[in-house]
Amino acid sequence: MLNGHTGTVRSVAFSSDGTCIVSGSSDNSVQVWDASTGTELKMLNGHTDYVRSVAFSSDGTRIVSGSSDNSVWVWDASMGAELQKLNGHTNYVWSVTFSSDSTCIVSGSEDNSVWVWDLKYDGLHWMFTQQNWIVSIPHQDRFMWVHQRFVMYYITLTISSSFLAKALPQ
């Protein structure tokens, strides 16, 4: 059992090597845990509202968190330091994930948008908007998301970071 958060845990993720767990909570914090002992390794503070989604980069060196404060933060997993704060969403960020090569972050929000952030160039690379808010974005290079009305969309990231977006048939 992992003890440490003072609010409801909203999201958890394992590092790719299985040695660490990251959690996000309604206490506005992100915590990193040793997966084998359950010991808290780091507490990452900065969000001003619920942390709704967390994920590790594929190499385990970075963490991304999305929050009800409308922001996406990138953290150094070993030091616990903030690396980047990505602003642009105008409502709760419900889901965040890294691309498999960890060069991009995809975030989905209650503002009805999916944003692809290019970490290499420190900014927004692409944005897709629709009629309803985004509730889930699984981690993979074919990102699929589900919005409030259960319509599924997907985008494919290629090596050259170009994108294809389309709705799946209903």
N, C-alpha and C. Protein backbone atom coordinates (compact mmCIF):
# COMPACT_ATOMS: atom_id res chain seq x y z
N MET A 1 0.84 -1.17 0.00
CA MET A 1 0.00 0.00 0.00
C MET A 1 0.89 1.24 0.00
N LEU A 2 0.49 2.22 -0.79
CA LEU A 2 1.22 3.48 -0.87
C LEU A 2 0.49 4.52 -0.05
N ASN A 3 1.14 5.03 0.97
CA ASN A 3 0.54 6.05 1.82
C ASN A 3 1.30 7.35 1.66
N GLY A 4 0.58 8.45 1.51
CA GLY A 4 1.25 9.73 1.38
C GLY A 4 0.35 10.84 0.89
N HIS A 5 -0.51 10.54 -0.07
CA HIS A 5 -1.43 11.56 -0.56
C HIS A 5 -2.48 11.86 0.52
N THR A 6 -2.91 13.10 0.56
CA THR A 6 -3.96 13.48 1.51
C THR A 6 -5.31 13.64 0.82
N GLY A 7 -5.35 13.41 -0.47
CA GLY A 7 -6.60 13.47 -1.24
C GLY A 7 -6.75 12.22 -2.08
N THR A 8 -7.84 12.16 -2.81
CA THR A 8 -8.13 11.02 -3.67
C THR A 8 -7.09 10.88 -4.77
N VAL A 9 -6.58 9.68 -4.96
CA VAL A 9 -5.63 9.42 -6.05
C VAL A 9 -6.43 9.30 -7.34
N ARG A 10 -6.09 10.14 -8.31
CA ARG A 10 -6.82 10.22 -9.58
C ARG A 10 -6.16 9.46 -10.72
N SER A 11 -4.84 9.23 -10.62
CA SER A 11 -4.12 8.59 -11.72
C SER A 11 -2.85 7.94 -11.18
N VAL A 12 -2.49 6.79 -11.75
CA VAL A 12 -1.22 6.12 -11.43
C VAL A 12 -0.62 5.56 -12.71
N ALA A 13 0.71 5.44 -12.73
CA ALA A 13 1.41 4.86 -13.87
C ALA A 13 2.72 4.25 -13.40
N PHE A 14 3.13 3.16 -14.03
CA PHE A 14 4.42 2.54 -13.77
C PHE A 14 5.46 3.08 -14.75
N SER A 15 6.71 3.14 -14.31
CA SER A 15 7.81 3.39 -15.24
C SER A 15 7.95 2.16 -16.12
N SER A 16 8.56 2.31 -17.29
CA SER A 16 8.65 1.20 -18.24
C SER A 16 9.46 0.03 -17.69
N ASP A 17 10.40 0.29 -16.79
CA ASP A 17 11.18 -0.81 -16.21
C ASP A 17 10.52 -1.39 -14.96
N GLY A 18 9.38 -0.82 -14.55
CA GLY A 18 8.63 -1.34 -13.43
C GLY A 18 9.17 -1.02 -12.05
N THR A 19 10.19 -0.19 -11.96
CA THR A 19 10.80 0.10 -10.66
C THR A 19 10.13 1.24 -9.91
N CYS A 20 9.43 2.10 -10.62
CA CYS A 20 8.80 3.26 -9.98
C CYS A 20 7.33 3.37 -10.37
N ILE A 21 6.59 4.01 -9.49
CA ILE A 21 5.19 4.33 -9.72
C ILE A 21 5.05 5.83 -9.55
N VAL A 22 4.25 6.47 -10.39
CA VAL A 22 3.91 7.88 -10.20
C VAL A 22 2.41 7.96 -9.97
N SER A 23 2.01 8.86 -9.08
CA SER A 23 0.59 9.03 -8.78
C SER A 23 0.25 10.51 -8.74
N GLY A 24 -0.98 10.83 -9.14
CA GLY A 24 -1.48 12.20 -9.09
C GLY A 24 -2.75 12.22 -8.27
N SER A 25 -2.98 13.30 -7.54
CA SER A 25 -4.04 13.29 -6.55
C SER A 25 -4.82 14.61 -6.49
N SER A 26 -5.98 14.52 -5.84
CA SER A 26 -6.77 15.73 -5.60
C SER A 26 -6.15 16.61 -4.52
N ASP A 27 -5.02 16.19 -3.94
CA ASP A 27 -4.28 17.08 -3.03
C ASP A 27 -3.33 17.98 -3.81
N ASN A 28 -3.45 17.98 -5.15
CA ASN A 28 -2.68 18.83 -6.08
C ASN A 28 -1.23 18.39 -6.26
N SER A 29 -0.87 17.22 -5.76
CA SER A 29 0.53 16.79 -5.85
C SER A 29 0.70 15.59 -6.76
N VAL A 30 1.95 15.43 -7.19
CA VAL A 30 2.41 14.25 -7.92
C VAL A 30 3.44 13.59 -7.01
N GLN A 31 3.34 12.27 -6.84
CA GLN A 31 4.31 11.57 -6.00
C GLN A 31 4.92 10.41 -6.78
N VAL A 32 6.21 10.19 -6.52
CA VAL A 32 6.95 9.10 -7.14
C VAL A 32 7.28 8.10 -6.04
N TRP A 33 7.06 6.81 -6.34
CA TRP A 33 7.20 5.74 -5.36
C TRP A 33 8.15 4.67 -5.87
N ASP A 34 8.85 4.01 -4.94
CA ASP A 34 9.59 2.80 -5.25
C ASP A 34 8.57 1.67 -5.36
N ALA A 35 8.50 1.01 -6.50
CA ALA A 35 7.46 0.01 -6.73
C ALA A 35 7.65 -1.24 -5.87
N SER A 36 8.86 -1.57 -5.49
CA SER A 36 9.08 -2.79 -4.72
C SER A 36 8.86 -2.60 -3.22
N THR A 37 9.13 -1.39 -2.72
CA THR A 37 9.00 -1.17 -1.27
C THR A 37 7.80 -0.30 -0.89
N GLY A 38 7.28 0.46 -1.85
CA GLY A 38 6.19 1.38 -1.55
C GLY A 38 6.66 2.67 -0.90
N THR A 39 7.96 2.88 -0.84
CA THR A 39 8.53 4.08 -0.24
C THR A 39 8.36 5.28 -1.16
N GLU A 40 7.93 6.39 -0.58
CA GLU A 40 7.83 7.63 -1.36
C GLU A 40 9.24 8.13 -1.67
N LEU A 41 9.52 8.37 -2.95
CA LEU A 41 10.83 8.87 -3.36
C LEU A 41 10.84 10.38 -3.56
N LYS A 42 9.77 10.91 -4.11
CA LYS A 42 9.68 12.35 -4.41
C LYS A 42 8.24 12.81 -4.30
N MET A 43 8.06 14.05 -3.86
CA MET A 43 6.77 14.73 -3.97
C MET A 43 6.99 15.93 -4.87
N LEU A 44 6.18 16.03 -5.93
CA LEU A 44 6.32 17.10 -6.91
C LEU A 44 5.15 18.06 -6.73
N ASN A 45 5.45 19.27 -6.32
CA ASN A 45 4.42 20.27 -6.08
C ASN A 45 4.52 21.40 -7.10
N GLY A 46 3.38 21.95 -7.45
CA GLY A 46 3.34 23.06 -8.39
C GLY A 46 1.94 23.29 -8.92
N HIS A 47 1.20 22.20 -9.12
CA HIS A 47 -0.18 22.34 -9.58
C HIS A 47 -1.00 23.03 -8.49
N THR A 48 -1.99 23.79 -8.91
CA THR A 48 -2.84 24.52 -7.97
C THR A 48 -4.25 23.93 -7.89
N ASP A 49 -4.46 22.78 -8.52
CA ASP A 49 -5.75 22.08 -8.46
C ASP A 49 -5.48 20.59 -8.68
N TYR A 50 -6.52 19.79 -8.66
CA TYR A 50 -6.40 18.33 -8.78
C TYR A 50 -5.46 17.93 -9.91
N VAL A 51 -4.62 16.94 -9.65
CA VAL A 51 -3.84 16.30 -10.70
C VAL A 51 -4.67 15.13 -11.20
N ARG A 52 -5.07 15.19 -12.46
CA ARG A 52 -6.00 14.22 -13.03
C ARG A 52 -5.33 13.11 -13.84
N SER A 53 -4.10 13.34 -14.31
CA SER A 53 -3.44 12.33 -15.14
C SER A 53 -1.93 12.45 -15.00
N VAL A 54 -1.26 11.30 -14.97
CA VAL A 54 0.21 11.25 -14.90
C VAL A 54 0.72 10.15 -15.83
N ALA A 55 1.96 10.31 -16.29
CA ALA A 55 2.60 9.28 -17.13
C ALA A 55 4.11 9.45 -17.07
N PHE A 56 4.82 8.34 -17.26
CA PHE A 56 6.27 8.34 -17.39
C PHE A 56 6.65 8.39 -18.87
N SER A 57 7.81 9.00 -19.16
CA SER A 57 8.39 8.87 -20.49
C SER A 57 8.88 7.43 -20.65
N SER A 58 9.10 7.01 -21.89
CA SER A 58 9.49 5.61 -22.14
C SER A 58 10.82 5.23 -21.49
N ASP A 59 11.72 6.19 -21.33
CA ASP A 59 13.00 5.89 -20.68
C ASP A 59 12.97 6.13 -19.18
N GLY A 60 11.83 6.57 -18.65
CA GLY A 60 11.67 6.75 -17.21
C GLY A 60 12.32 7.98 -16.63
N THR A 61 12.86 8.86 -17.47
CA THR A 61 13.57 10.03 -16.95
C THR A 61 12.67 11.23 -16.70
N ARG A 62 11.48 11.22 -17.31
CA ARG A 62 10.56 12.35 -17.15
C ARG A 62 9.16 11.86 -16.80
N ILE A 63 8.42 12.76 -16.20
CA ILE A 63 7.03 12.53 -15.83
C ILE A 63 6.23 13.68 -16.40
N VAL A 64 5.02 13.40 -16.88
CA VAL A 64 4.10 14.45 -17.29
C VAL A 64 2.87 14.37 -16.40
N SER A 65 2.33 15.53 -16.06
CA SER A 65 1.10 15.57 -15.26
C SER A 65 0.15 16.60 -15.85
N GLY A 66 -1.14 16.27 -15.80
CA GLY A 66 -2.19 17.18 -16.27
C GLY A 66 -3.13 17.45 -15.12
N SER A 67 -3.67 18.66 -15.06
CA SER A 67 -4.38 19.08 -13.86
C SER A 67 -5.66 19.86 -14.16
N SER A 68 -6.48 19.95 -13.13
CA SER A 68 -7.67 20.81 -13.18
C SER A 68 -7.31 22.28 -13.18
N ASP A 69 -6.02 22.62 -13.00
CA ASP A 69 -5.60 24.02 -13.12
C ASP A 69 -5.32 24.38 -14.58
N ASN A 70 -5.69 23.47 -15.51
CA ASN A 70 -5.59 23.66 -16.97
C ASN A 70 -4.17 23.54 -17.51
N SER A 71 -3.23 23.10 -16.69
CA SER A 71 -1.83 23.06 -17.14
C SER A 71 -1.32 21.63 -17.28
N VAL A 72 -0.24 21.53 -18.06
CA VAL A 72 0.51 20.29 -18.24
C VAL A 72 1.94 20.58 -17.79
N TRP A 73 2.44 19.77 -16.87
CA TRP A 73 3.80 19.97 -16.37
C TRP A 73 4.66 18.78 -16.75
N VAL A 74 5.92 19.05 -17.06
CA VAL A 74 6.92 18.01 -17.31
C VAL A 74 7.95 18.11 -16.19
N TRP A 75 8.25 16.95 -15.59
CA TRP A 75 9.13 16.88 -14.43
C TRP A 75 10.32 15.99 -14.71
N ASP A 76 11.45 16.27 -14.07
CA ASP A 76 12.59 15.36 -14.05
C ASP A 76 12.27 14.28 -13.02
N ALA A 77 12.21 13.03 -13.43
CA ALA A 77 11.77 11.95 -12.54
C ALA A 77 12.76 11.69 -11.40
N SER A 78 14.05 11.83 -11.63
CA SER A 78 15.02 11.53 -10.58
C SER A 78 15.22 12.68 -9.61
N MET A 79 15.20 13.90 -10.11
CA MET A 79 15.43 15.07 -9.25
C MET A 79 14.14 15.67 -8.69
N GLY A 80 13.03 15.44 -9.38
CA GLY A 80 11.76 16.02 -8.95
C GLY A 80 11.59 17.47 -9.36
N ALA A 81 12.46 17.95 -10.23
CA ALA A 81 12.43 19.36 -10.64
C ALA A 81 11.48 19.56 -11.82
N GLU A 82 10.85 20.72 -11.84
CA GLU A 82 10.01 21.09 -12.98
C GLU A 82 10.91 21.39 -14.17
N LEU A 83 10.62 20.75 -15.31
CA LEU A 83 11.37 21.01 -16.54
C LEU A 83 10.64 21.98 -17.45
N GLN A 84 9.32 21.81 -17.56
CA GLN A 84 8.50 22.66 -18.43
C GLN A 84 7.10 22.75 -17.87
N LYS A 85 6.49 23.91 -18.04
CA LYS A 85 5.07 24.08 -17.77
C LYS A 85 4.43 24.48 -19.09
N LEU A 86 3.48 23.66 -19.54
CA LEU A 86 2.84 23.87 -20.84
C LEU A 86 1.44 24.42 -20.62
N ASN A 87 1.23 25.65 -21.00
CA ASN A 87 -0.07 26.30 -20.83
C ASN A 87 -0.75 26.47 -22.17
N GLY A 88 -2.06 26.46 -22.16
CA GLY A 88 -2.83 26.67 -23.37
C GLY A 88 -4.25 26.16 -23.24
N HIS A 89 -4.42 25.04 -22.54
CA HIS A 89 -5.78 24.54 -22.32
C HIS A 89 -6.55 25.56 -21.50
N THR A 90 -7.85 25.63 -21.74
CA THR A 90 -8.70 26.60 -21.04
C THR A 90 -9.68 25.92 -20.09
N ASN A 91 -9.49 24.62 -19.86
CA ASN A 91 -10.31 23.89 -18.90
C ASN A 91 -9.50 22.69 -18.42
N TYR A 92 -10.08 21.89 -17.53
CA TYR A 92 -9.39 20.76 -16.92
C TYR A 92 -8.66 19.91 -17.95
N VAL A 93 -7.43 19.52 -17.64
CA VAL A 93 -6.70 18.54 -18.44
C VAL A 93 -6.98 17.17 -17.84
N TRP A 94 -7.65 16.31 -18.61
CA TRP A 94 -8.09 15.00 -18.13
C TRP A 94 -7.09 13.89 -18.43
N SER A 95 -6.29 14.03 -19.47
CA SER A 95 -5.42 12.93 -19.86
C SER A 95 -4.14 13.45 -20.49
N VAL A 96 -3.01 12.83 -20.12
CA VAL A 96 -1.71 13.17 -20.69
C VAL A 96 -0.93 11.88 -20.96
N THR A 97 -0.07 11.91 -21.97
CA THR A 97 0.82 10.79 -22.24
C THR A 97 1.98 11.26 -23.12
N PHE A 98 3.06 10.50 -23.10
CA PHE A 98 4.21 10.75 -23.97
C PHE A 98 4.07 9.93 -25.24
N SER A 99 4.67 10.42 -26.34
CA SER A 99 4.87 9.57 -27.52
C SER A 99 5.92 8.52 -27.14
N SER A 100 6.02 7.44 -27.90
CA SER A 100 6.94 6.36 -27.53
C SER A 100 8.40 6.81 -27.54
N ASP A 101 8.76 7.80 -28.36
CA ASP A 101 10.13 8.31 -28.35
C ASP A 101 10.31 9.48 -27.38
N SER A 102 9.27 9.81 -26.65
CA SER A 102 9.28 10.85 -25.60
C SER A 102 9.59 12.25 -26.11
N THR A 103 9.44 12.50 -27.41
CA THR A 103 9.68 13.84 -27.95
C THR A 103 8.42 14.70 -27.94
N CYS A 104 7.27 14.06 -27.78
CA CYS A 104 6.00 14.78 -27.77
C CYS A 104 5.15 14.35 -26.58
N ILE A 105 4.29 15.24 -26.16
CA ILE A 105 3.27 14.93 -25.16
C ILE A 105 1.93 15.20 -25.81
N VAL A 106 0.97 14.33 -25.56
CA VAL A 106 -0.39 14.54 -26.02
C VAL A 106 -1.25 14.77 -24.78
N SER A 107 -2.06 15.84 -24.81
CA SER A 107 -2.94 16.15 -23.68
C SER A 107 -4.36 16.35 -24.18
N GLY A 108 -5.31 15.87 -23.39
CA GLY A 108 -6.73 16.02 -23.71
C GLY A 108 -7.44 16.75 -22.59
N SER A 109 -8.39 17.60 -22.96
CA SER A 109 -8.96 18.52 -21.98
C SER A 109 -10.47 18.63 -22.09
N GLU A 110 -11.05 19.13 -21.02
CA GLU A 110 -12.47 19.46 -20.99
C GLU A 110 -12.77 20.69 -21.84
N ASP A 111 -11.74 21.34 -22.39
CA ASP A 111 -11.97 22.45 -23.32
C ASP A 111 -12.22 21.95 -24.74
N ASN A 112 -12.44 20.64 -24.89
CA ASN A 112 -12.77 19.99 -26.17
C ASN A 112 -11.59 19.91 -27.13
N SER A 113 -10.37 19.87 -26.60
CA SER A 113 -9.22 19.83 -27.49
C SER A 113 -8.21 18.76 -27.09
N VAL A 114 -7.48 18.30 -28.10
CA VAL A 114 -6.31 17.45 -27.93
C VAL A 114 -5.13 18.27 -28.45
N TRP A 115 -4.11 18.41 -27.62
CA TRP A 115 -2.91 19.16 -28.02
C TRP A 115 -1.73 18.21 -28.09
N VAL A 116 -0.89 18.39 -29.09
CA VAL A 116 0.37 17.66 -29.20
C VAL A 116 1.47 18.69 -28.98
N TRP A 117 2.24 18.48 -27.92
CA TRP A 117 3.30 19.41 -27.53
C TRP A 117 4.64 18.85 -27.99
N ASP A 118 5.43 19.64 -28.67
CA ASP A 118 6.75 19.24 -29.12
C ASP A 118 7.76 19.67 -28.05
N LEU A 119 8.32 18.73 -27.31
CA LEU A 119 9.23 19.06 -26.22
C LEU A 119 10.58 19.56 -26.71
N LYS A 120 10.95 19.15 -27.90
CA LYS A 120 12.22 19.58 -28.47
C LYS A 120 12.22 21.09 -28.73
N TYR A 121 11.08 21.59 -29.20
CA TYR A 121 10.98 23.01 -29.52
C TYR A 121 10.15 23.78 -28.51
N ASP A 122 9.82 23.13 -27.39
CA ASP A 122 9.20 23.80 -26.25
C ASP A 122 7.88 24.49 -26.61
N GLY A 123 7.02 23.79 -27.32
CA GLY A 123 5.75 24.44 -27.63
C GLY A 123 4.74 23.54 -28.30
N LEU A 124 3.61 24.13 -28.63
CA LEU A 124 2.52 23.43 -29.27
C LEU A 124 2.90 23.07 -30.69
N HIS A 125 2.69 21.82 -31.05
CA HIS A 125 2.99 21.37 -32.41
C HIS A 125 1.71 21.23 -33.23
N TRP A 126 0.63 20.82 -32.56
CA TRP A 126 -0.61 20.53 -33.28
C TRP A 126 -1.76 20.53 -32.29
N MET A 127 -2.96 20.95 -32.75
CA MET A 127 -4.14 20.95 -31.89
C MET A 127 -5.34 20.49 -32.69
N PHE A 128 -6.16 19.66 -32.07
CA PHE A 128 -7.40 19.19 -32.68
C PHE A 128 -8.54 19.54 -31.74
N THR A 129 -9.57 20.18 -32.25
CA THR A 129 -10.73 20.51 -31.42
C THR A 129 -11.96 19.78 -31.92
N GLN A 130 -12.89 19.60 -31.02
CA GLN A 130 -14.14 18.92 -31.36
C GLN A 130 -15.26 19.45 -30.47
N GLN A 131 -16.41 18.80 -30.49
CA GLN A 131 -17.59 19.34 -29.81
C GLN A 131 -17.68 18.97 -28.34
N ASN A 132 -16.93 18.00 -27.88
CA ASN A 132 -17.04 17.55 -26.50
C ASN A 132 -15.66 17.35 -25.89
N TRP A 133 -15.61 17.29 -24.56
CA TRP A 133 -14.32 17.21 -23.89
C TRP A 133 -13.73 15.81 -23.95
N ILE A 134 -12.41 15.77 -23.80
CA ILE A 134 -11.62 14.55 -23.94
C ILE A 134 -11.49 13.88 -22.58
N VAL A 135 -11.76 12.57 -22.51
CA VAL A 135 -11.67 11.89 -21.23
C VAL A 135 -10.51 10.91 -21.14
N SER A 136 -9.98 10.44 -22.26
CA SER A 136 -8.92 9.43 -22.17
C SER A 136 -8.04 9.44 -23.42
N ILE A 137 -6.72 9.31 -23.19
CA ILE A 137 -5.76 9.15 -24.28
C ILE A 137 -4.78 8.06 -23.86
N PRO A 138 -4.93 6.83 -24.37
CA PRO A 138 -3.98 5.77 -24.03
C PRO A 138 -2.60 6.04 -24.63
N HIS A 139 -1.57 5.49 -24.02
CA HIS A 139 -0.18 5.69 -24.46
C HIS A 139 0.16 4.74 -25.60
N GLN A 140 0.49 5.30 -26.73
CA GLN A 140 0.99 4.56 -27.88
C GLN A 140 1.25 5.57 -29.00
N ASP A 141 1.78 5.14 -30.12
CA ASP A 141 2.01 6.08 -31.21
C ASP A 141 0.79 6.25 -32.09
N ARG A 142 -0.20 5.44 -31.90
CA ARG A 142 -1.52 5.71 -32.48
C ARG A 142 -2.39 6.11 -31.31
N PHE A 143 -2.49 7.40 -31.09
CA PHE A 143 -3.25 7.89 -29.95
C PHE A 143 -4.72 7.88 -30.28
N MET A 144 -5.47 7.26 -29.44
CA MET A 144 -6.91 7.24 -29.60
C MET A 144 -7.48 7.97 -28.39
N TRP A 145 -8.50 8.75 -28.62
CA TRP A 145 -9.12 9.39 -27.47
C TRP A 145 -10.62 9.26 -27.56
N VAL A 146 -11.22 9.35 -26.40
CA VAL A 146 -12.67 9.23 -26.29
C VAL A 146 -13.17 10.52 -25.69
N HIS A 147 -14.18 11.11 -26.31
CA HIS A 147 -14.73 12.31 -25.70
C HIS A 147 -16.02 11.97 -24.99
N GLN A 148 -16.61 12.95 -24.38
CA GLN A 148 -17.75 12.81 -23.49
C GLN A 148 -18.90 12.02 -24.11
N ARG A 149 -19.09 12.07 -25.40
CA ARG A 149 -20.20 11.37 -26.04
C ARG A 149 -19.77 10.01 -26.61
N PHE A 150 -18.61 9.53 -26.18
CA PHE A 150 -18.11 8.20 -26.50
C PHE A 150 -17.80 7.98 -27.98
N VAL A 151 -17.50 9.04 -28.69
CA VAL A 151 -17.02 8.92 -30.06
C VAL A 151 -15.50 8.81 -29.98
N MET A 152 -14.92 7.86 -30.69
CA MET A 152 -13.48 7.67 -30.63
C MET A 152 -12.81 8.27 -31.85
N TYR A 153 -11.69 8.94 -31.62
CA TYR A 153 -10.85 9.52 -32.67
C TYR A 153 -9.46 8.95 -32.51
N TYR A 154 -8.66 9.02 -33.56
CA TYR A 154 -7.27 8.66 -33.38
C TYR A 154 -6.37 9.52 -34.26
N ILE A 155 -5.12 9.64 -33.80
CA ILE A 155 -4.08 10.27 -34.60
C ILE A 155 -2.89 9.31 -34.63
N THR A 156 -2.15 9.36 -35.69
CA THR A 156 -0.95 8.54 -35.81
C THR A 156 0.25 9.47 -35.87
N LEU A 157 1.21 9.26 -34.98
CA LEU A 157 2.46 10.01 -35.02
C LEU A 157 3.47 9.19 -35.78
N THR A 158 4.10 9.79 -36.77
CA THR A 158 5.14 9.09 -37.52
C THR A 158 6.49 9.58 -37.02
N ILE A 159 7.55 8.96 -37.49
CA ILE A 159 8.90 9.33 -37.09
C ILE A 159 9.16 10.81 -37.36
N SER A 160 8.59 11.33 -38.43
CA SER A 160 8.83 12.73 -38.80
C SER A 160 7.91 13.68 -38.05
N SER A 161 7.16 13.16 -37.08
CA SER A 161 6.22 13.96 -36.28
C SER A 161 5.12 14.59 -37.13
N SER A 162 4.74 13.94 -38.22
CA SER A 162 3.57 14.40 -38.95
C SER A 162 2.36 13.65 -38.41
N PHE A 163 1.18 14.15 -38.68
CA PHE A 163 -0.01 13.62 -38.03
C PHE A 163 -1.12 13.32 -39.02
N LEU A 164 -1.90 12.32 -38.69
CA LEU A 164 -3.12 12.00 -39.41
C LEU A 164 -4.21 11.90 -38.36
N ALA A 165 -5.30 12.61 -38.52
CA ALA A 165 -6.40 12.54 -37.55
C ALA A 165 -7.68 12.19 -38.27
N LYS A 166 -8.46 11.30 -37.67
CA LYS A 166 -9.76 10.97 -38.24
C LYS A 166 -10.64 10.35 -37.18
N ALA A 167 -11.94 10.43 -37.42
CA ALA A 167 -12.90 9.81 -36.52
C ALA A 167 -13.07 8.35 -36.91
N LEU A 168 -13.21 7.50 -35.91
CA LEU A 168 -13.52 6.11 -36.17
C LEU A 168 -15.00 5.99 -36.48
N PRO A 169 -15.40 5.04 -37.31
CA PRO A 169 -16.82 4.89 -37.63
C PRO A 169 -17.63 4.58 -36.38
N GLN A 170 -18.84 5.11 -36.33
CA GLN A 170 -19.68 4.86 -35.15
C GLN A 170 -20.42 3.56 -35.26
